[in-house]
Amino acid sequence: MRQLVFATNNKHKLGEVAAKIGDSFKLLSLDDIGCRDEIEETGLTFTENAALKSRFIHQKYKLDCFADDSGLEVDALNGEPGVFSARYGGTHGDHEANMDKLLKNLGDNPNRKSRFRTVISLIMDDKELFFEGAVEGTIRHERTGTGGFGYDPIFQPDGHDITFAEMSMEEKNRISHRGRAVEQLTAFLSAP
């Protein structure tokens, strides 16, 4: 069975992708290959950051691999927080501070249009391919729901009257940006 490294240690992401890929590949995490390096995300786009991570793993470990980068883009804020989504409020992963800053910066602006975007960089057989998924929506004025993570309590996907944080994980994954990008990746990997 061929091995494929997913440049993450996020168990939720690993499980989600492993379930979609099936038995055609043995999916490995950064821990599985002994990678303890902090891979700097210095790119200005999701594509650049995903490529930085996958290229680092491919060059150092000589393994087929893929990496993703994702975040929230708000039209009225010229695409912010974008690649800075996880650290928008100052501290990486402080979801409350990130939402507080976003809601403050957006204020009463009537343009609440936004999207979550994911880009996956796959390096396989020394070739690099990209897969992208996005989900359009709007930013709510206040938080609702207790599920999910990140900006989920203030993001309402188009065609729904609830936020990501009010959806079940299965419902969210069916329409999410990451789910859409992973579907493209798995379709490519399972093609004859």
Protein backbone atom coordinates (compact mmCIF):
# COMPACT_ATOMS: atom_id res chain seq x y z
CA MET A 1 0.00 0.00 0.00
CA ARG A 2 1.31 3.44 -0.96
CA GLN A 3 2.01 5.92 1.80
CA LEU A 4 0.90 9.53 1.71
CA VAL A 5 1.80 12.15 4.30
CA PHE A 6 -0.76 14.75 5.38
CA ALA A 7 1.30 17.65 6.77
CA THR A 8 -0.75 18.00 9.94
CA ASN A 9 -1.13 16.56 13.42
CA ASN A 10 -4.79 17.57 13.67
CA LYS A 11 -6.51 14.23 14.45
CA HIS A 12 -9.92 15.48 13.27
CA LYS A 13 -8.56 16.47 9.85
CA LEU A 14 -6.60 13.20 9.58
CA GLY A 15 -9.67 11.09 10.35
CA GLU A 16 -11.87 13.04 7.94
CA VAL A 17 -9.40 12.69 5.07
CA ALA A 18 -8.54 9.05 5.85
CA ALA A 19 -12.24 8.14 5.69
CA LYS A 20 -12.57 9.78 2.26
CA ILE A 21 -9.35 8.31 0.82
CA GLY A 22 -10.26 4.78 1.88
CA ASP A 23 -7.87 1.84 1.61
CA SER A 24 -5.89 2.93 -1.43
CA PHE A 25 -3.30 4.84 0.64
CA LYS A 26 -1.85 4.61 4.13
CA LEU A 27 -2.25 8.15 5.46
CA LEU A 28 0.56 9.37 7.74
CA SER A 29 0.71 12.45 9.98
CA LEU A 30 3.73 14.61 10.76
CA ASP A 31 4.10 12.67 14.04
CA ASP A 32 4.12 9.40 12.11
CA ILE A 33 7.19 10.47 10.11
CA GLY A 34 8.94 12.06 13.11
CA CYS A 35 8.61 15.63 11.88
CA ARG A 36 8.88 18.04 14.81
CA ASP A 37 9.83 21.08 12.70
CA GLU A 38 7.79 24.27 12.92
CA ILE A 39 6.95 24.95 9.28
CA GLU A 40 6.67 28.72 8.88
CA GLU A 41 3.60 29.93 7.00
CA THR A 42 5.09 33.07 5.46
CA GLY A 43 3.05 33.06 2.25
CA LEU A 44 0.62 35.82 1.32
CA THR A 45 -1.99 33.41 -0.04
CA PHE A 46 -3.50 30.07 0.99
CA THR A 47 -1.85 28.51 -2.07
CA GLU A 48 1.60 29.77 -1.05
CA ASN A 49 1.22 28.52 2.53
CA ALA A 50 -0.05 25.09 1.50
CA ALA A 51 2.84 24.79 -0.96
CA LEU A 52 5.42 25.86 1.66
CA LYS A 53 4.32 23.02 3.93
CA SER A 54 4.09 20.29 1.28
CA ARG A 55 7.39 21.29 -0.35
CA PHE A 56 9.16 21.28 3.02
CA ILE A 57 7.99 17.73 3.77
CA HIS A 58 8.71 16.48 0.26
CA GLN A 59 12.22 17.96 0.18
CA LYS A 60 13.21 16.86 3.69
CA TYR A 61 11.62 13.39 3.81
CA LYS A 62 11.37 12.50 0.08
CA LEU A 63 7.77 11.33 0.58
CA ASP A 64 4.57 11.94 -1.37
CA CYS A 65 2.57 14.40 0.69
CA PHE A 66 -0.09 17.08 0.83
CA ALA A 67 -0.79 20.11 2.99
CA ASP A 68 -3.65 22.52 3.30
CA ASP A 69 -4.17 26.11 4.32
CA SER A 70 -7.49 27.76 4.86
CA GLY A 71 -9.21 30.74 6.34
CA LEU A 72 -11.99 33.28 6.19
CA GLU A 73 -12.20 36.14 3.67
CA VAL A 74 -14.56 39.06 4.31
CA ASP A 75 -15.32 41.26 1.30
CA ALA A 76 -15.88 44.50 3.26
CA LEU A 77 -12.47 44.02 4.93
CA ASN A 78 -10.64 43.54 1.61
CA GLY A 79 -10.32 39.80 2.19
CA GLU A 80 -9.23 39.96 5.83
CA PRO A 81 -8.48 38.00 7.90
CA GLY A 82 -7.34 35.69 5.04
CA VAL A 83 -4.06 33.89 5.74
CA PHE A 84 -4.03 35.49 9.20
CA SER A 85 -7.37 33.90 10.19
CA ALA A 86 -5.95 31.77 13.03
CA ARG A 87 -4.01 34.69 14.57
CA TYR A 88 -6.16 37.67 13.56
CA GLY A 89 -6.84 38.70 17.16
CA GLY A 90 -3.16 38.55 18.11
CA THR A 91 -2.65 35.05 19.53
CA HIS A 92 -2.67 31.96 17.30
CA GLY A 93 -5.82 29.94 17.92
CA ASP A 94 -7.62 32.45 20.19
CA HIS A 95 -11.03 32.04 18.54
CA GLU A 96 -12.82 34.53 20.80
CA ALA A 97 -10.24 37.28 20.17
CA ASN A 98 -10.36 36.56 16.43
CA MET A 99 -14.16 36.89 16.31
CA ASP A 100 -14.09 39.99 18.54
CA LYS A 101 -11.64 41.76 16.21
CA LEU A 102 -13.54 40.72 13.08
CA LEU A 103 -16.89 41.92 14.43
CA LYS A 104 -15.34 45.20 15.64
CA ASN A 105 -13.64 45.85 12.29
CA LEU A 106 -16.81 45.01 10.37
CA GLY A 107 -18.99 47.13 12.69
CA ASP A 108 -22.40 47.91 11.21
CA ASN A 109 -21.22 47.55 7.61
CA PRO A 110 -24.20 46.13 5.68
CA ASN A 111 -21.86 44.16 3.39
CA ARG A 112 -21.38 40.96 5.41
CA LYS A 113 -20.44 38.77 2.40
CA SER A 114 -17.64 36.32 3.13
CA ARG A 115 -16.28 32.91 2.33
CA PHE A 116 -14.20 30.15 3.85
CA ARG A 117 -11.51 28.94 1.45
CA THR A 118 -9.15 25.93 1.54
CA VAL A 119 -6.27 25.15 -0.80
CA ILE A 120 -4.52 21.77 -0.82
CA SER A 121 -1.05 21.30 -2.30
CA LEU A 122 -0.33 17.69 -3.28
CA ILE A 123 3.16 16.57 -4.28
CA MET A 124 3.11 13.09 -5.75
CA ASP A 125 5.60 11.43 -8.05
CA ASP A 126 7.55 14.75 -7.98
CA LYS A 127 4.61 16.71 -9.45
CA GLU A 128 2.65 19.37 -7.57
CA LEU A 129 -1.11 19.78 -7.96
CA PHE A 130 -3.55 22.13 -6.22
CA PHE A 131 -7.16 21.58 -5.16
CA GLU A 132 -9.42 24.33 -3.86
CA GLY A 133 -12.73 24.46 -2.04
CA ALA A 134 -14.82 27.41 -0.93
CA VAL A 135 -18.15 28.04 0.75
CA GLU A 136 -19.84 31.43 0.44
CA GLY A 137 -21.77 33.00 3.27
CA THR A 138 -22.31 36.02 5.48
CA ILE A 139 -21.01 37.21 8.84
CA ARG A 140 -23.62 37.41 11.56
CA HIS A 141 -23.69 40.38 13.95
CA GLU A 142 -23.37 38.08 16.97
CA ARG A 143 -22.39 34.53 17.83
CA THR A 144 -24.88 31.66 17.72
CA GLY A 145 -24.29 27.96 18.30
CA THR A 146 -21.77 26.00 20.32
CA GLY A 147 -20.34 23.53 17.81
CA GLY A 148 -17.40 23.80 15.47
CA PHE A 149 -14.42 26.06 16.05
CA GLY A 150 -12.84 29.25 14.80
CA TYR A 151 -15.30 31.63 13.16
CA ASP A 152 -18.11 29.03 12.97
CA PRO A 153 -20.42 30.87 15.47
CA ILE A 154 -20.56 33.97 13.23
CA PHE A 155 -20.45 32.39 9.74
CA GLN A 156 -23.77 31.56 8.07
CA PRO A 157 -23.32 29.64 4.80
CA ASP A 158 -25.46 30.68 1.84
CA GLY A 159 -28.66 28.68 1.54
CA HIS A 160 -28.88 28.06 5.30
CA ASP A 161 -30.45 30.01 8.15
CA ILE A 162 -28.03 28.76 10.82
CA THR A 163 -24.30 29.17 11.44
CA PHE A 164 -21.66 26.46 11.07
CA ALA A 165 -21.61 26.32 14.90
CA GLU A 166 -25.30 25.33 14.90
CA MET A 167 -24.81 22.47 12.42
CA SER A 168 -23.82 18.91 13.16
CA MET A 169 -20.25 18.07 12.16
CA GLU A 170 -21.59 15.82 9.39
CA GLU A 171 -23.80 18.59 7.99
CA LYS A 172 -20.95 21.11 8.09
CA ASN A 173 -18.47 18.69 6.47
CA ARG A 174 -20.87 18.05 3.57
CA ILE A 175 -20.75 21.72 2.51
CA SER A 176 -17.50 23.00 4.00
CA HIS A 177 -14.57 24.47 2.10
CA ARG A 178 -12.22 21.77 3.38
CA GLY A 179 -14.70 19.02 2.50
CA ARG A 180 -14.98 20.33 -1.06
CA ALA A 181 -11.19 20.52 -1.51
CA VAL A 182 -10.73 17.03 -0.02
CA GLU A 183 -13.36 15.64 -2.40
CA GLN A 184 -11.31 16.90 -5.35
CA LEU A 185 -8.14 15.44 -3.82
CA THR A 186 -9.71 12.04 -3.22
CA ALA A 187 -11.25 11.97 -6.70
CA PHE A 188 -7.77 12.51 -8.12
CA LEU A 189 -6.19 9.89 -5.84
CA SER A 190 -8.83 7.26 -6.66
CA ALA A 191 -8.73 7.81 -10.42
CA PRO A 192 -7.32 4.84 -12.37
